[in-house]
């Protein structure tokens, strides 16, 4: 990996801008272009819930260095793409179908304007939504990279259908935009133990906090009860028979059985249903954000991604 990369600065060769969704909503994006005729292909990366693309600059710039046109974007309602809730820190959505529609529209325009082959990549909720968009036939990448995809929740001993019913009831008991869990004893500050869910790498974790201070619009806390209920609905939709079987392109999944946010067993079940899928499994050496882990772990994950990208580029 490039030890000299500055994770706390937008690379000079990257350009930040906004894309207008079909309804006019402004979606923030960042692009690393490649000179015409020289690209190995193009890659679109979508981050997770409460995420921002600043957290992945190091990885995105690495892929650009391999010769790929690289783009990343925020999801509507988080980071630099506005808010949909009643405050500045609670993540809310009316339905995950709204995000699928955004990604489908962005994909149509982006893939038509960039050199192929095209790869779609996503982390956590971004991985879930990327997979769902493809499964619904609304994006047609030549390859799909999923990092710790949100296909179920960790440590749930109650069936998903029961948890979904409970979420439905909680959503109906008040404003669906209200937060579904407590963020911190100190309003506006992240919980002290949050790092233990995400990464072992203290420096990379500190980078995220630095970006939140530098760009306050990036800060996001809990999801709303509306988000929770709709997330269960979307997870259950992907678990329906024949949903994942419709995904025919090569897929690389990177996950850890030490994940305390998303369910590793749900990932394994999904992998078994995909036609052409490679799973890179980590254990206790990795938390949820494998692409932002300590070098010994992250290097293995990036190497697997690079090999996968080379396979796609070779056709």
C-alpha atoms as a PDB file:
ATOM      1  CA  UNK A   1       0.000   0.000   0.000  1.00  0.00           C
ATOM      2  CA  UNK A   2       1.009   3.641  -0.484  1.00  0.00           C
ATOM      3  CA  UNK A   3       2.387   4.635   2.908  1.00  0.00           C
ATOM      4  CA  UNK A   4       2.655   8.300   1.846  1.00  0.00           C
ATOM      5  CA  UNK A   5      -1.030   8.762   1.023  1.00  0.00           C
ATOM      6  CA  UNK A   6      -2.645  11.605   2.982  1.00  0.00           C
ATOM      7  CA  UNK A   7      -5.973  10.275   4.222  1.00  0.00           C
ATOM      8  CA  UNK A   8      -6.966  13.730   5.472  1.00  0.00           C
ATOM      9  CA  UNK A   9      -6.976  15.524   2.129  1.00  0.00           C
ATOM     10  CA  UNK A  10      -8.952  15.202  -1.091  1.00  0.00           C
ATOM     11  CA  UNK A  11      -6.414  13.952  -3.678  1.00  0.00           C
ATOM     12  CA  UNK A  12      -5.386  16.564  -6.217  1.00  0.00           C
ATOM     13  CA  UNK A  13      -6.486  14.303  -9.078  1.00  0.00           C
ATOM     14  CA  UNK A  14     -10.011  13.810  -7.671  1.00  0.00           C
ATOM     15  CA  UNK A  15     -12.936  16.128  -8.337  1.00  0.00           C
ATOM     16  CA  UNK A  16     -15.889  16.663  -6.004  1.00  0.00           C
ATOM     17  CA  UNK A  17     -19.248  17.705  -7.457  1.00  0.00           C
ATOM     18  CA  UNK A  18     -22.985  16.994  -7.254  1.00  0.00           C
ATOM     19  CA  UNK A  19     -25.336  14.907  -9.360  1.00  0.00           C
ATOM     20  CA  UNK A  20     -29.017  15.761  -9.646  1.00  0.00           C
ATOM     21  CA  UNK A  21     -31.298  12.789  -9.040  1.00  0.00           C
ATOM     22  CA  UNK A  22     -34.397  12.565 -11.273  1.00  0.00           C
ATOM     23  CA  UNK A  23     -36.420  14.471  -8.644  1.00  0.00           C
ATOM     24  CA  UNK A  24     -33.730  17.159  -8.383  1.00  0.00           C
ATOM     25  CA  UNK A  25     -32.208  16.032  -5.078  1.00  0.00           C
ATOM     26  CA  UNK A  26     -28.471  16.891  -5.000  1.00  0.00           C
ATOM     27  CA  UNK A  27     -26.232  13.850  -4.473  1.00  0.00           C
ATOM     28  CA  UNK A  28     -22.586  14.505  -3.635  1.00  0.00           C
ATOM     29  CA  UNK A  29     -19.996  12.596  -5.651  1.00  0.00           C
ATOM     30  CA  UNK A  30     -16.249  12.357  -6.214  1.00  0.00           C
ATOM     31  CA  UNK A  31     -14.492  11.212  -9.397  1.00  0.00           C
ATOM     32  CA  UNK A  32     -10.990  10.144 -10.339  1.00  0.00           C
ATOM     33  CA  UNK A  33     -10.878  10.326 -14.139  1.00  0.00           C
ATOM     34  CA  UNK A  34      -8.481   8.404 -16.389  1.00  0.00           C
ATOM     35  CA  UNK A  35      -7.195   9.755 -19.725  1.00  0.00           C
ATOM     36  CA  UNK A  36      -9.332   8.646 -22.643  1.00  0.00           C
ATOM     37  CA  UNK A  37      -8.405   5.255 -24.038  1.00  0.00           C
ATOM     38  CA  UNK A  38      -6.169   4.250 -21.105  1.00  0.00           C
ATOM     39  CA  UNK A  39      -8.627   3.068 -18.444  1.00  0.00           C
ATOM     40  CA  UNK A  40      -8.809  -0.588 -17.410  1.00  0.00           C
ATOM     41  CA  UNK A  41     -12.450   0.047 -16.615  1.00  0.00           C
ATOM     42  CA  UNK A  42     -14.635   2.030 -14.241  1.00  0.00           C
ATOM     43  CA  UNK A  43     -15.608   1.411 -10.605  1.00  0.00           C
ATOM     44  CA  UNK A  44     -18.453   2.955  -8.602  1.00  0.00           C
ATOM     45  CA  UNK A  45     -18.212   2.679  -4.811  1.00  0.00           C
ATOM     46  CA  UNK A  46     -21.142   3.244  -2.428  1.00  0.00           C
ATOM     47  CA  UNK A  47     -20.487   3.586   1.333  1.00  0.00           C
ATOM     48  CA  UNK A  48     -22.493   2.312   4.296  1.00  0.00           C
ATOM     49  CA  UNK A  49     -25.124   3.782   6.596  1.00  0.00           C
ATOM     50  CA  UNK A  50     -23.873   6.968   8.181  1.00  0.00           C
ATOM     51  CA  UNK A  51     -20.740   6.766   6.035  1.00  0.00           C
ATOM     52  CA  UNK A  52     -19.043   9.260   3.769  1.00  0.00           C
ATOM     53  CA  UNK A  53     -16.661   8.715   0.877  1.00  0.00           C
ATOM     54  CA  UNK A  54     -13.873  10.554   2.747  1.00  0.00           C
ATOM     55  CA  UNK A  55     -13.356   7.388   4.812  1.00  0.00           C
ATOM     56  CA  UNK A  56     -12.397   5.440   1.677  1.00  0.00           C
ATOM     57  CA  UNK A  57     -10.160   7.951  -0.117  1.00  0.00           C
ATOM     58  CA  UNK A  58      -7.108   5.745   0.442  1.00  0.00           C
ATOM     59  CA  UNK A  59      -8.746   2.720  -1.183  1.00  0.00           C
ATOM     60  CA  UNK A  60     -10.401   4.639  -3.997  1.00  0.00           C
ATOM     61  CA  UNK A  61      -7.163   6.410  -4.887  1.00  0.00           C
ATOM     62  CA  UNK A  62      -5.373   3.039  -4.888  1.00  0.00           C
ATOM     63  CA  UNK A  63      -7.805   1.641  -7.464  1.00  0.00           C
ATOM     64  CA  UNK A  64      -7.392   4.744  -9.558  1.00  0.00           C
ATOM     65  CA  UNK A  65      -3.647   4.188  -9.400  1.00  0.00           C
ATOM     66  CA  UNK A  66      -4.206   0.760 -10.952  1.00  0.00           C
ATOM     67  CA  UNK A  67      -5.748   2.447 -13.986  1.00  0.00           C
ATOM     68  CA  UNK A  68      -9.448   2.488 -13.101  1.00  0.00           C
ATOM     69  CA  UNK A  69     -11.822   5.403 -13.486  1.00  0.00           C
ATOM     70  CA  UNK A  70     -13.202   5.629  -9.933  1.00  0.00           C
ATOM     71  CA  UNK A  71     -16.346   7.285  -8.615  1.00  0.00           C
ATOM     72  CA  UNK A  72     -17.962   7.333  -5.180  1.00  0.00           C
ATOM     73  CA  UNK A  73     -21.161   9.001  -4.020  1.00  0.00           C
ATOM     74  CA  UNK A  74     -23.119   9.599  -0.845  1.00  0.00           C
ATOM     75  CA  UNK A  75     -26.564   8.188  -0.289  1.00  0.00           C
ATOM     76  CA  UNK A  76     -29.449  10.635  -0.344  1.00  0.00           C
ATOM     77  CA  UNK A  77     -30.016  11.901   3.205  1.00  0.00           C
ATOM     78  CA  UNK A  78     -26.524  11.453   4.631  1.00  0.00           C
ATOM     79  CA  UNK A  79     -23.039  12.954   4.523  1.00  0.00           C
ATOM     80  CA  UNK A  80     -23.014  15.754   1.931  1.00  0.00           C
ATOM     81  CA  UNK A  81     -26.313  14.753   0.307  1.00  0.00           C
ATOM     82  CA  UNK A  82     -28.704  16.494   2.690  1.00  0.00           C
ATOM     83  CA  UNK A  83     -30.946  15.124   5.425  1.00  0.00           C
ATOM     84  CA  UNK A  84     -34.356  13.468   5.337  1.00  0.00           C
ATOM     85  CA  UNK A  85     -35.158  13.396   9.048  1.00  0.00           C
ATOM     86  CA  UNK A  86     -36.207  15.985  11.602  1.00  0.00           C
ATOM     87  CA  UNK A  87     -32.650  16.750  12.794  1.00  0.00           C
ATOM     88  CA  UNK A  88     -29.103  16.870  11.465  1.00  0.00           C
ATOM     89  CA  UNK A  89     -27.792  13.570  12.854  1.00  0.00           C
ATOM     90  CA  UNK A  90     -30.537  10.919  12.600  1.00  0.00           C
ATOM     91  CA  UNK A  91     -30.450   8.859   9.403  1.00  0.00           C
ATOM     92  CA  UNK A  92     -33.906   8.436   7.897  1.00  0.00           C
ATOM     93  CA  UNK A  93     -35.388   7.092   4.671  1.00  0.00           C
ATOM     94  CA  UNK A  94     -38.977   6.592   3.564  1.00  0.00           C
ATOM     95  CA  UNK A  95     -38.109   3.321   1.840  1.00  0.00           C
ATOM     96  CA  UNK A  96     -34.943   1.596   0.653  1.00  0.00           C
ATOM     97  CA  UNK A  97     -36.574   1.602  -2.791  1.00  0.00           C
ATOM     98  CA  UNK A  98     -35.791   5.332  -2.907  1.00  0.00           C
ATOM     99  CA  UNK A  99     -32.076   4.557  -2.625  1.00  0.00           C
ATOM    100  CA  UNK A 100     -32.360   1.760  -5.183  1.00  0.00           C
ATOM    101  CA  UNK A 101     -33.988   4.199  -7.596  1.00  0.00           C
ATOM    102  CA  UNK A 102     -31.208   6.738  -7.002  1.00  0.00           C
ATOM    103  CA  UNK A 103     -28.493   4.155  -7.613  1.00  0.00           C
ATOM    104  CA  UNK A 104     -30.257   2.816 -10.712  1.00  0.00           C
ATOM    105  CA  UNK A 105     -30.530   6.319 -12.213  1.00  0.00           C
ATOM    106  CA  UNK A 106     -26.948   7.208 -11.312  1.00  0.00           C
ATOM    107  CA  UNK A 107     -25.717   3.906 -12.735  1.00  0.00           C
ATOM    108  CA  UNK A 108     -27.465   4.494 -16.070  1.00  0.00           C
ATOM    109  CA  UNK A 109     -25.842   7.891 -16.540  1.00  0.00           C
ATOM    110  CA  UNK A 110     -22.461   6.997 -15.075  1.00  0.00           C
ATOM    111  CA  UNK A 111     -21.983   3.724 -16.958  1.00  0.00           C
ATOM    112  CA  UNK A 112     -22.924   5.394 -20.241  1.00  0.00           C
ATOM    113  CA  UNK A 113     -20.339   8.122 -19.674  1.00  0.00           C
ATOM    114  CA  UNK A 114     -17.403   6.010 -18.428  1.00  0.00           C
ATOM    115  CA  UNK A 115     -15.210   3.308 -20.013  1.00  0.00           C
ATOM    116  CA  UNK A 116     -16.036  -0.362 -19.430  1.00  0.00           C
ATOM    117  CA  UNK A 117     -15.925  -2.876 -18.013  1.00  0.00           C
ATOM    118  CA  UNK A 118     -17.927  -1.519 -15.074  1.00  0.00           C
ATOM    119  CA  UNK A 119     -17.704  -2.657 -11.453  1.00  0.00           C
ATOM    120  CA  UNK A 120     -20.118  -1.771  -8.654  1.00  0.00           C
ATOM    121  CA  UNK A 121     -18.787  -1.918  -5.085  1.00  0.00           C
ATOM    122  CA  UNK A 122     -20.426  -1.220  -1.742  1.00  0.00           C
ATOM    123  CA  UNK A 123     -19.781  -1.451   1.972  1.00  0.00           C
ATOM    124  CA  UNK A 124     -22.355  -2.594   4.555  1.00  0.00           C
ATOM    125  CA  UNK A 125     -25.674  -0.881   3.698  1.00  0.00           C
ATOM    126  CA  UNK A 126     -24.027   0.186   0.446  1.00  0.00           C
ATOM    127  CA  UNK A 127     -23.296  -3.470  -0.291  1.00  0.00           C
ATOM    128  CA  UNK A 128     -26.876  -4.410   0.490  1.00  0.00           C
ATOM    129  CA  UNK A 129     -28.260  -1.740  -1.806  1.00  0.00           C
ATOM    130  CA  UNK A 130     -25.801  -2.519  -4.592  1.00  0.00           C
ATOM    131  CA  UNK A 131     -26.764  -6.194  -4.438  1.00  0.00           C
ATOM    132  CA  UNK A 132     -30.483  -5.401  -4.331  1.00  0.00           C
ATOM    133  CA  UNK A 133     -30.229  -3.009  -7.285  1.00  0.00           C
ATOM    134  CA  UNK A 134     -28.489  -5.695  -9.341  1.00  0.00           C
ATOM    135  CA  UNK A 135     -30.881  -8.431  -8.188  1.00  0.00           C
ATOM    136  CA  UNK A 136     -33.793  -6.283  -9.349  1.00  0.00           C
ATOM    137  CA  UNK A 137     -32.187  -5.867 -12.762  1.00  0.00           C
ATOM    138  CA  UNK A 138     -31.720  -2.127 -12.355  1.00  0.00           C
ATOM    139  CA  UNK A 139     -27.918  -2.122 -12.696  1.00  0.00           C
ATOM    140  CA  UNK A 140     -25.809  -4.407 -14.868  1.00  0.00           C
ATOM    141  CA  UNK A 141     -22.190  -4.323 -13.678  1.00  0.00           C
ATOM    142  CA  UNK A 142     -19.580  -6.686 -15.055  1.00  0.00           C
ATOM    143  CA  UNK A 143     -18.497  -7.376 -11.487  1.00  0.00           C
ATOM    144  CA  UNK A 144     -19.705  -6.710  -7.951  1.00  0.00           C
ATOM    145  CA  UNK A 145     -17.590  -6.168  -4.790  1.00  0.00           C
ATOM    146  CA  UNK A 146     -19.362  -6.352  -1.432  1.00  0.00           C
ATOM    147  CA  UNK A 147     -17.606  -5.431   1.826  1.00  0.00           C
ATOM    148  CA  UNK A 148     -19.416  -6.692   4.951  1.00  0.00           C
ATOM    149  CA  UNK A 149     -22.799  -6.455   3.203  1.00  0.00           C
ATOM    150  CA  UNK A 150     -25.791  -5.726   5.430  1.00  0.00           C
ATOM    151  CA  UNK A 151     -27.830  -8.874   4.769  1.00  0.00           C
ATOM    152  CA  UNK A 152     -28.881  -9.472   8.371  1.00  0.00           C
ATOM    153  CA  UNK A 153     -28.098  -8.169  11.841  1.00  0.00           C
ATOM    154  CA  UNK A 154     -25.564  -9.562  14.289  1.00  0.00           C
ATOM    155  CA  UNK A 155     -26.583 -11.625  17.302  1.00  0.00           C
ATOM    156  CA  UNK A 156     -30.276 -11.879  16.590  1.00  0.00           C
ATOM    157  CA  UNK A 157     -31.814 -14.903  18.309  1.00  0.00           C
ATOM    158  CA  UNK A 158     -35.324 -13.826  17.367  1.00  0.00           C
ATOM    159  CA  UNK A 159     -36.464 -14.576  13.796  1.00  0.00           C
ATOM    160  CA  UNK A 160     -36.144 -11.664  11.374  1.00  0.00           C
ATOM    161  CA  UNK A 161     -39.896 -11.676  10.742  1.00  0.00           C
ATOM    162  CA  UNK A 162     -40.560 -11.136  14.455  1.00  0.00           C
ATOM    163  CA  UNK A 163     -37.962  -8.359  14.680  1.00  0.00           C
ATOM    164  CA  UNK A 164     -39.531  -6.754  11.619  1.00  0.00           C
ATOM    165  CA  UNK A 165     -42.947  -6.825  13.281  1.00  0.00           C
ATOM    166  CA  UNK A 166     -41.496  -5.219  16.417  1.00  0.00           C
ATOM    167  CA  UNK A 167     -39.866  -2.512  14.310  1.00  0.00           C
ATOM    168  CA  UNK A 168     -43.168  -1.904  12.538  1.00  0.00           C
ATOM    169  CA  UNK A 169     -44.880  -1.374  15.876  1.00  0.00           C
ATOM    170  CA  UNK A 170     -42.173   0.990  17.136  1.00  0.00           C
ATOM    171  CA  UNK A 171     -42.304   2.959  13.897  1.00  0.00           C
ATOM    172  CA  UNK A 172     -46.079   3.344  14.287  1.00  0.00           C
ATOM    173  CA  UNK A 173     -45.894   4.536  17.901  1.00  0.00           C
ATOM    174  CA  UNK A 174     -44.491   7.944  17.036  1.00  0.00           C
ATOM    175  CA  UNK A 175     -42.631   9.990  14.482  1.00  0.00           C
ATOM    176  CA  UNK A 176     -40.859   7.441  12.226  1.00  0.00           C
ATOM    177  CA  UNK A 177     -38.013   9.949  11.905  1.00  0.00           C
ATOM    178  CA  UNK A 178     -37.118   9.711  15.607  1.00  0.00           C
ATOM    179  CA  UNK A 179     -33.848   7.923  16.501  1.00  0.00           C
ATOM    180  CA  UNK A 180     -34.121   4.188  17.119  1.00  0.00           C
ATOM    181  CA  UNK A 181     -31.197   3.990  19.538  1.00  0.00           C
ATOM    182  CA  UNK A 182     -29.147   6.237  21.775  1.00  0.00           C
ATOM    183  CA  UNK A 183     -26.062   7.777  20.204  1.00  0.00           C
ATOM    184  CA  UNK A 184     -23.999   9.037  23.132  1.00  0.00           C
ATOM    185  CA  UNK A 185     -24.262  10.413  26.642  1.00  0.00           C
ATOM    186  CA  UNK A 186     -22.811  13.602  25.158  1.00  0.00           C
ATOM    187  CA  UNK A 187     -25.019  14.893  22.332  1.00  0.00           C
ATOM    188  CA  UNK A 188     -23.107  15.197  19.084  1.00  0.00           C
ATOM    189  CA  UNK A 189     -20.180  13.046  20.209  1.00  0.00           C
ATOM    190  CA  UNK A 190     -19.616   9.478  19.094  1.00  0.00           C
ATOM    191  CA  UNK A 191     -19.683   6.763  21.810  1.00  0.00           C
ATOM    192  CA  UNK A 192     -16.289   5.948  23.285  1.00  0.00           C
ATOM    193  CA  UNK A 193     -16.525   2.253  22.358  1.00  0.00           C
ATOM    194  CA  UNK A 194     -17.601   2.826  18.751  1.00  0.00           C
ATOM    195  CA  UNK A 195     -14.144   1.970  17.413  1.00  0.00           C
ATOM    196  CA  UNK A 196     -14.478  -1.596  18.742  1.00  0.00           C
ATOM    197  CA  UNK A 197     -17.299  -2.197  16.272  1.00  0.00           C
ATOM    198  CA  UNK A 198     -15.502  -0.808  13.238  1.00  0.00           C
ATOM    199  CA  UNK A 199     -11.727  -1.318  13.124  1.00  0.00           C
ATOM    200  CA  UNK A 200      -8.607  -2.215  15.083  1.00  0.00           C
ATOM    201  CA  UNK A 201      -6.758   0.629  13.360  1.00  0.00           C
ATOM    202  CA  UNK A 202      -6.670   3.611  15.713  1.00  0.00           C
ATOM    203  CA  UNK A 203      -5.197   5.981  13.127  1.00  0.00           C
ATOM    204  CA  UNK A 204      -7.738   5.196  10.407  1.00  0.00           C
ATOM    205  CA  UNK A 205     -10.553   5.556  12.941  1.00  0.00           C
ATOM    206  CA  UNK A 206      -9.137   8.928  13.970  1.00  0.00           C
ATOM    207  CA  UNK A 207      -9.211   9.981  10.316  1.00  0.00           C
ATOM    208  CA  UNK A 208     -12.995   9.654  10.295  1.00  0.00           C
ATOM    209  CA  UNK A 209     -13.336  11.829  13.414  1.00  0.00           C
ATOM    210  CA  UNK A 210     -11.009  14.379  11.812  1.00  0.00           C
ATOM    211  CA  UNK A 211     -13.191  14.564   8.700  1.00  0.00           C
ATOM    212  CA  UNK A 212     -16.309  14.960  10.834  1.00  0.00           C
ATOM    213  CA  UNK A 213     -14.717  17.923  12.589  1.00  0.00           C
ATOM    214  CA  UNK A 214     -13.423  19.380   9.320  1.00  0.00           C
ATOM    215  CA  UNK A 215     -16.745  18.874   7.533  1.00  0.00           C
ATOM    216  CA  UNK A 216     -19.527  18.875  10.166  1.00  0.00           C
ATOM    217  CA  UNK A 217     -22.144  17.933   7.564  1.00  0.00           C
ATOM    218  CA  UNK A 218     -20.643  14.428   7.491  1.00  0.00           C
ATOM    219  CA  UNK A 219     -21.629  13.605  11.083  1.00  0.00           C
ATOM    220  CA  UNK A 220     -24.459  11.114  11.497  1.00  0.00           C
ATOM    221  CA  UNK A 221     -25.650   9.149  14.511  1.00  0.00           C
ATOM    222  CA  UNK A 222     -28.454   6.617  14.877  1.00  0.00           C
ATOM    223  CA  UNK A 223     -30.887   5.456  12.265  1.00  0.00           C
ATOM    224  CA  UNK A 224     -34.571   6.325  12.608  1.00  0.00           C
ATOM    225  CA  UNK A 225     -37.297   3.834  13.413  1.00  0.00           C
ATOM    226  CA  UNK A 226     -38.398   4.331   9.821  1.00  0.00           C
ATOM    227  CA  UNK A 227     -34.926   3.322   8.640  1.00  0.00           C
ATOM    228  CA  UNK A 228     -34.903   0.251  10.925  1.00  0.00           C
ATOM    229  CA  UNK A 229     -38.285  -0.988   9.757  1.00  0.00           C
ATOM    230  CA  UNK A 230     -37.492  -0.437   6.081  1.00  0.00           C
ATOM    231  CA  UNK A 231     -34.098  -2.131   6.489  1.00  0.00           C
ATOM    232  CA  UNK A 232     -35.807  -5.288   7.744  1.00  0.00           C
ATOM    233  CA  UNK A 233     -38.216  -5.139   4.807  1.00  0.00           C
ATOM    234  CA  UNK A 234     -35.335  -4.831   2.340  1.00  0.00           C
ATOM    235  CA  UNK A 235     -33.320  -7.618   3.987  1.00  0.00           C
ATOM    236  CA  UNK A 236     -36.335  -9.912   3.819  1.00  0.00           C
ATOM    237  CA  UNK A 237     -36.912  -9.010   0.170  1.00  0.00           C
ATOM    238  CA  UNK A 238     -33.391 -10.161  -0.732  1.00  0.00           C
ATOM    239  CA  UNK A 239     -33.962 -13.391   1.196  1.00  0.00           C
ATOM    240  CA  UNK A 240     -36.963 -14.259  -0.972  1.00  0.00           C
ATOM    241  CA  UNK A 241     -36.541 -17.248  -3.332  1.00  0.00           C
ATOM    242  CA  UNK A 242     -34.938 -16.411  -6.688  1.00  0.00           C
ATOM    243  CA  UNK A 243     -33.930 -12.852  -5.666  1.00  0.00           C
ATOM    244  CA  UNK A 244     -30.189 -13.491  -5.399  1.00  0.00           C
ATOM    245  CA  UNK A 245     -30.229 -16.224  -8.016  1.00  0.00           C
ATOM    246  CA  UNK A 246     -30.854 -13.456 -10.561  1.00  0.00           C
ATOM    247  CA  UNK A 247     -27.334 -12.101  -9.928  1.00  0.00           C
ATOM    248  CA  UNK A 248     -25.204 -13.733 -12.632  1.00  0.00           C
ATOM    249  CA  UNK A 249     -22.008 -11.655 -12.821  1.00  0.00           C
ATOM    250  CA  UNK A 250     -18.853 -12.410 -10.787  1.00  0.00           C
ATOM    251  CA  UNK A 251     -19.095 -11.297  -7.150  1.00  0.00           C
ATOM    252  CA  UNK A 252     -16.403 -10.842  -4.515  1.00  0.00           C
ATOM    253  CA  UNK A 253     -17.576 -10.740  -0.894  1.00  0.00           C
ATOM    254  CA  UNK A 254     -15.239  -9.677   1.910  1.00  0.00           C
ATOM    255  CA  UNK A 255     -16.542 -10.327   5.423  1.00  0.00           C
ATOM    256  CA  UNK A 256     -15.522 -11.226   8.952  1.00  0.00           C
ATOM    257  CA  UNK A 257     -17.163 -13.713  11.289  1.00  0.00           C
ATOM    258  CA  UNK A 258     -16.140 -11.287  14.061  1.00  0.00           C
ATOM    259  CA  UNK A 259     -18.597  -8.675  12.765  1.00  0.00           C
ATOM    260  CA  UNK A 260     -20.750  -7.241  15.562  1.00  0.00           C
ATOM    261  CA  UNK A 261     -22.958  -5.158  13.284  1.00  0.00           C
ATOM    262  CA  UNK A 262     -24.038  -7.384  10.398  1.00  0.00           C
ATOM    263  CA  UNK A 263     -24.673 -11.120  10.497  1.00  0.00           C
ATOM    264  CA  UNK A 264     -21.891 -13.213   9.007  1.00  0.00           C
ATOM    265  CA  UNK A 265     -24.164 -16.263   8.742  1.00  0.00           C
ATOM    266  CA  UNK A 266     -26.579 -14.245   6.580  1.00  0.00           C
ATOM    267  CA  UNK A 267     -23.645 -13.376   4.317  1.00  0.00           C
ATOM    268  CA  UNK A 268     -22.708 -17.053   4.007  1.00  0.00           C
ATOM    269  CA  UNK A 269     -26.271 -17.964   3.070  1.00  0.00           C
ATOM    270  CA  UNK A 270     -26.299 -15.260   0.408  1.00  0.00           C
ATOM    271  CA  UNK A 271     -22.944 -16.376  -0.998  1.00  0.00           C
ATOM    272  CA  UNK A 272     -24.277 -19.919  -1.398  1.00  0.00           C
ATOM    273  CA  UNK A 273     -27.094 -18.576  -3.586  1.00  0.00           C
ATOM    274  CA  UNK A 274     -24.922 -16.517  -5.934  1.00  0.00           C
ATOM    275  CA  UNK A 275     -23.889 -18.148  -9.194  1.00  0.00           C
ATOM    276  CA  UNK A 276     -20.277 -16.904  -9.376  1.00  0.00           C
ATOM    277  CA  UNK A 277     -19.128 -15.737  -5.952  1.00  0.00           C
ATOM    278  CA  UNK A 278     -15.822 -15.715  -4.085  1.00  0.00           C
ATOM    279  CA  UNK A 279     -15.836 -15.178  -0.299  1.00  0.00           C
ATOM    280  CA  UNK A 280     -12.800 -13.838   1.555  1.00  0.00           C
ATOM    281  CA  UNK A 281     -13.355 -14.581   5.233  1.00  0.00           C
ATOM    282  CA  UNK A 282     -11.644 -12.903   8.155  1.00  0.00           C
ATOM    283  CA  UNK A 283     -11.857 -13.746  11.848  1.00  0.00           C
ATOM    284  CA  UNK A 284     -11.116 -11.940  15.094  1.00  0.00           C
ATOM    285  CA  UNK A 285      -8.365  -9.910  13.403  1.00  0.00           C
ATOM    286  CA  UNK A 286     -11.037  -7.845  11.626  1.00  0.00           C
ATOM    287  CA  UNK A 287     -14.006  -5.750  12.656  1.00  0.00           C
ATOM    288  CA  UNK A 288     -16.782  -4.460  10.396  1.00  0.00           C
ATOM    289  CA  UNK A 289     -14.767  -2.020   8.261  1.00  0.00           C
ATOM    290  CA  UNK A 290     -12.309  -4.466   6.708  1.00  0.00           C
ATOM    291  CA  UNK A 291     -11.194  -1.934   4.086  1.00  0.00           C
ATOM    292  CA  UNK A 292     -10.149   0.382   6.943  1.00  0.00           C
ATOM    293  CA  UNK A 293      -8.486  -2.240   9.115  1.00  0.00           C
ATOM    294  CA  UNK A 294      -4.851  -2.508  10.184  1.00  0.00           C
ATOM    295  CA  UNK A 295      -2.486  -3.058   7.268  1.00  0.00           C
ATOM    296  CA  UNK A 296      -2.003  -6.807   7.786  1.00  0.00           C
ATOM    297  CA  UNK A 297      -5.748  -7.322   7.291  1.00  0.00           C
ATOM    298  CA  UNK A 298      -6.481  -4.523   4.863  1.00  0.00           C
ATOM    299  CA  UNK A 299      -3.663  -5.518   2.526  1.00  0.00           C
ATOM    300  CA  UNK A 300      -5.185  -8.989   2.144  1.00  0.00           C
ATOM    301  CA  UNK A 301      -8.594  -7.489   1.394  1.00  0.00           C
ATOM    302  CA  UNK A 302      -7.194  -5.015  -1.123  1.00  0.00           C
ATOM    303  CA  UNK A 303      -5.139  -7.741  -2.805  1.00  0.00           C
ATOM    304  CA  UNK A 304      -8.309  -9.817  -3.249  1.00  0.00           C
ATOM    305  CA  UNK A 305     -10.086  -6.791  -4.729  1.00  0.00           C
ATOM    306  CA  UNK A 306      -7.169  -6.076  -7.053  1.00  0.00           C
ATOM    307  CA  UNK A 307      -7.117  -9.673  -8.275  1.00  0.00           C
ATOM    308  CA  UNK A 308     -10.873  -9.532  -8.825  1.00  0.00           C
ATOM    309  CA  UNK A 309     -10.580  -6.260 -10.765  1.00  0.00           C
ATOM    310  CA  UNK A 310      -7.823  -7.753 -12.913  1.00  0.00           C
ATOM    311  CA  UNK A 311     -10.141 -10.670 -13.694  1.00  0.00           C
ATOM    312  CA  UNK A 312     -12.920  -8.300 -14.737  1.00  0.00           C
ATOM    313  CA  UNK A 313     -10.563  -6.159 -16.812  1.00  0.00           C
ATOM    314  CA  UNK A 314      -9.314  -9.261 -18.626  1.00  0.00           C
ATOM    315  CA  UNK A 315     -12.864 -10.190 -19.555  1.00  0.00           C
END
